[in-house]
Amino acid sequence: MSEEEGVRVNDKRRIDPETFEVRQPSSDLAGEALTEMDAEAHFDADAEIIEGEVSGIEEKIGELTEDLQRVHAEYANYRKRVDRDREINRQVAIGTVFSELLPVLDDLELAREHDELNGAFKTVGEKLENTLHKLGLTKFGMVQDPFDPNMHEALVSEEVDGVIEPTVIAVFQQGYRQGERILRPARVSVAGT
């Protein structure tokens, strides 16, 4: 091995590490033209491959986006359904408690009518009625209300002149409802023509 030969290193990197530019092959002019044609063909082939991959990726992104939107919509519907069911169950539970307390409210009303609702008993009764009202319990069935068979239970019917439509003339037992739900119809006497 002669001193002139030594170790020879060929840097075949396409990008110059100092200037960061693409290197041109150092072969003769004809070789350069061939290399440029090869590079152009290679570039076109790479571009087609990349375009195919990009369109495949875009297709996959579209599918995943549709899946995500569908799952999001299903979750939103599920959540609405659970919230609605939870509220219905809550209202049913409250209605059950209301139904159990109706005899107590009847007793309070009877005590009030007989002037026996006095002192601490009066305070407790009023607090109970106010609390139940806040929770959505309302009473109905007053004298002179138009008779509604959906809300009233007619125990007595009388013929009265001058009455245009069936009207409540006496209330035997108050009716109660929770929102639009009738817990107990009012038991009444009705006047009609």
Protein backbone atom coordinates (compact mmCIF):
# COMPACT_ATOMS: atom_id res chain seq x y z
CA MET A 1 0.00 0.00 0.00
CA SER A 2 1.48 3.32 -1.02
CA GLU A 3 1.27 6.51 0.94
CA GLU A 4 -0.83 8.13 -1.75
CA GLU A 5 -3.48 5.47 -1.68
CA GLY A 6 -4.35 5.60 2.04
CA VAL A 7 -7.86 5.28 3.29
CA ARG A 8 -10.42 6.64 0.95
CA VAL A 9 -13.84 7.79 2.18
CA ASN A 10 -16.63 8.40 -0.26
CA ASP A 11 -19.42 10.56 1.12
CA LYS A 12 -22.51 9.32 -0.66
CA ARG A 13 -24.98 11.36 1.30
CA ARG A 14 -27.45 13.16 -0.93
CA ILE A 15 -27.68 16.18 1.38
CA ASP A 16 -24.52 18.15 2.10
CA PRO A 17 -24.22 18.32 5.91
CA GLU A 18 -22.69 21.82 5.79
CA THR A 19 -24.92 23.61 3.24
CA PHE A 20 -27.97 21.33 3.53
CA GLU A 21 -28.36 21.36 -0.23
CA VAL A 22 -28.91 18.38 -2.48
CA ARG A 23 -25.59 17.22 -3.91
CA GLN A 24 -25.15 16.59 -7.59
CA PRO A 25 -23.35 13.39 -8.55
CA SER A 26 -19.71 14.01 -9.50
CA SER A 27 -19.75 11.84 -12.62
CA ASP A 28 -19.31 13.08 -16.18
CA LEU A 29 -21.95 15.17 -18.03
CA ALA A 30 -23.61 12.19 -19.75
CA GLY A 31 -23.78 10.37 -16.45
CA GLU A 32 -25.22 13.48 -14.89
CA ALA A 33 -28.00 13.67 -17.48
CA LEU A 34 -28.79 10.01 -16.94
CA THR A 35 -28.73 10.45 -13.20
CA GLU A 36 -31.07 13.46 -13.42
CA MET A 37 -33.46 11.43 -15.57
CA ASP A 38 -33.25 8.55 -13.12
CA ALA A 39 -33.75 10.94 -10.22
CA GLU A 40 -36.76 12.50 -11.94
CA ALA A 41 -38.29 9.09 -12.62
CA HIS A 42 -37.51 8.04 -9.08
CA PHE A 43 -39.08 11.28 -7.79
CA ASP A 44 -42.23 10.71 -9.87
CA ALA A 45 -42.50 7.13 -8.58
CA ASP A 46 -42.00 8.35 -5.01
CA ALA A 47 -44.62 11.07 -5.54
CA GLU A 48 -47.16 8.51 -6.78
CA ILE A 49 -46.47 6.27 -3.81
CA ILE A 50 -46.80 9.22 -1.41
CA GLU A 51 -50.03 10.37 -3.10
CA GLY A 52 -51.43 6.85 -2.76
CA GLU A 53 -50.43 6.74 0.90
CA VAL A 54 -51.88 10.22 1.52
CA SER A 55 -55.20 9.31 -0.10
CA GLY A 56 -55.27 6.10 1.96
CA ILE A 57 -54.52 8.08 5.11
CA GLU A 58 -57.20 10.67 4.24
CA GLU A 59 -59.69 7.83 3.67
CA LYS A 60 -58.78 6.30 7.04
CA ILE A 61 -59.07 9.71 8.74
CA GLY A 62 -62.52 10.13 7.18
CA GLU A 63 -63.63 6.70 8.44
CA LEU A 64 -62.27 7.34 11.93
CA THR A 65 -63.89 10.79 12.02
CA GLU A 66 -67.26 9.27 11.06
CA ASP A 67 -66.82 6.57 13.73
CA LEU A 68 -65.95 9.20 16.32
CA GLN A 69 -68.97 11.34 15.38
CA ARG A 70 -71.25 8.30 15.55
CA VAL A 71 -69.89 7.25 18.95
CA HIS A 72 -70.19 10.84 20.19
CA ALA A 73 -73.84 11.00 19.04
CA GLU A 74 -74.59 7.61 20.62
CA TYR A 75 -73.03 8.74 23.90
CA ALA A 76 -74.98 12.02 23.85
CA ASN A 77 -78.24 10.08 23.23
CA TYR A 78 -77.36 7.58 25.96
CA ARG A 79 -76.65 10.39 28.39
CA LYS A 80 -79.92 12.15 27.57
CA ARG A 81 -81.82 8.87 27.99
CA VAL A 82 -80.14 8.15 31.34
CA ASP A 83 -80.86 11.69 32.58
CA ARG A 84 -84.49 11.42 31.43
CA ASP A 85 -84.88 7.99 33.07
CA ARG A 86 -83.25 9.26 36.25
CA GLU A 87 -85.68 12.20 36.38
CA ILE A 88 -88.66 9.91 35.70
CA ASN A 89 -87.54 7.55 38.49
CA ARG A 90 -87.11 10.52 40.82
CA GLN A 91 -90.61 11.81 40.02
CA VAL A 92 -92.11 8.34 40.50
CA ALA A 93 -90.38 8.00 43.88
CA ILE A 94 -91.59 11.43 44.98
CA GLY A 95 -95.10 10.57 43.74
CA THR A 96 -95.07 7.38 45.80
CA VAL A 97 -94.16 9.34 48.93
CA PHE A 98 -96.86 11.90 48.10
CA SER A 99 -99.45 9.13 47.73
CA GLU A 100 -98.52 7.71 51.13
CA LEU A 101 -98.85 11.17 52.74
CA LEU A 102 -102.28 11.99 51.28
CA PRO A 103 -104.20 10.53 54.28
CA VAL A 104 -102.08 12.72 56.58
CA LEU A 105 -102.97 15.79 54.49
CA ASP A 106 -106.65 14.78 54.63
CA ASP A 107 -106.43 14.61 58.43
CA LEU A 108 -104.79 18.05 58.53
CA GLU A 109 -107.60 19.44 56.36
CA LEU A 110 -110.27 17.89 58.62
CA ALA A 111 -108.55 19.31 61.72
CA ARG A 112 -108.46 22.74 60.05
CA GLU A 113 -112.20 22.54 59.19
CA HIS A 114 -113.06 21.65 62.80
CA ASP A 115 -110.78 24.38 64.21
CA GLU A 116 -108.56 21.79 65.89
CA LEU A 117 -105.38 22.76 64.06
CA ASN A 118 -103.74 24.84 66.82
CA GLY A 119 -100.33 25.50 68.40
CA ALA A 120 -97.40 23.31 67.50
CA PHE A 121 -99.64 20.92 65.58
CA LYS A 122 -100.64 23.81 63.28
CA THR A 123 -96.98 24.79 62.70
CA VAL A 124 -95.96 21.22 61.87
CA GLY A 125 -98.94 20.79 59.54
CA GLU A 126 -98.20 24.02 57.67
CA LYS A 127 -94.50 23.13 57.33
CA LEU A 128 -95.43 19.73 55.94
CA GLU A 129 -97.86 21.26 53.43
CA ASN A 130 -95.33 23.92 52.36
CA THR A 131 -92.57 21.34 51.91
CA LEU A 132 -94.79 19.09 49.81
CA HIS A 133 -95.86 22.08 47.72
CA LYS A 134 -92.18 22.99 47.09
CA LEU A 135 -91.59 19.42 45.90
CA GLY A 136 -94.43 19.76 43.36
CA LEU A 137 -97.58 18.56 45.11
CA THR A 138 -100.61 20.72 44.34
CA LYS A 139 -104.18 20.34 45.46
CA PHE A 140 -107.19 20.93 43.28
CA GLY A 141 -110.95 20.61 43.40
CA MET A 142 -112.67 23.79 44.52
CA VAL A 143 -116.34 24.73 44.56
CA GLN A 144 -117.41 26.41 41.28
CA ASP A 145 -114.67 24.64 39.24
CA PRO A 146 -115.95 23.26 35.93
CA PHE A 147 -116.34 19.50 36.24
CA ASP A 148 -113.56 17.57 34.49
CA PRO A 149 -113.93 13.77 34.57
CA ASN A 150 -110.15 13.43 34.25
CA MET A 151 -109.62 15.33 37.50
CA HIS A 152 -112.85 14.87 39.44
CA GLU A 153 -114.72 11.85 40.68
CA ALA A 154 -118.44 12.71 40.85
CA LEU A 155 -119.98 11.05 43.89
CA VAL A 156 -123.26 12.99 43.70
CA SER A 157 -124.97 14.63 40.74
CA GLU A 158 -127.80 17.16 41.13
CA GLU A 159 -130.06 18.94 38.67
CA VAL A 160 -129.69 22.71 39.13
CA ASP A 161 -131.40 25.33 36.97
CA GLY A 162 -129.23 28.06 35.45
CA VAL A 163 -126.08 25.95 35.28
CA ILE A 164 -124.71 25.98 31.74
CA GLU A 165 -122.05 23.31 32.16
CA PRO A 166 -121.42 20.67 34.84
CA THR A 167 -119.93 22.47 37.85
CA VAL A 168 -118.52 21.36 41.19
CA ILE A 169 -120.87 22.45 44.01
CA ALA A 170 -119.29 20.56 46.92
CA VAL A 171 -115.88 18.97 47.58
CA PHE A 172 -115.84 15.85 49.73
CA GLN A 173 -112.13 15.14 49.35
CA GLN A 174 -109.40 17.28 47.78
CA GLY A 175 -107.62 16.02 44.70
CA TYR A 176 -103.84 16.08 44.40
CA ARG A 177 -101.46 16.10 41.48
CA GLN A 178 -97.74 16.13 40.92
CA GLY A 179 -97.07 18.30 37.91
CA GLU A 180 -99.50 16.97 35.29
CA ARG A 181 -99.84 13.55 36.93
CA ILE A 182 -103.04 13.04 38.93
CA LEU A 183 -102.25 11.26 42.20
CA ARG A 184 -105.84 11.26 43.40
CA PRO A 185 -108.95 12.75 41.77
CA ALA A 186 -111.06 15.19 43.77
CA ARG A 187 -114.26 13.60 45.08
CA VAL A 188 -117.06 16.06 44.43
CA SER A 189 -120.74 16.76 44.04
CA VAL A 190 -121.66 18.04 40.59
CA ALA A 191 -124.49 20.28 39.46
CA GLY A 192 -125.71 19.96 35.91
CA THR A 193 -128.73 20.72 33.75
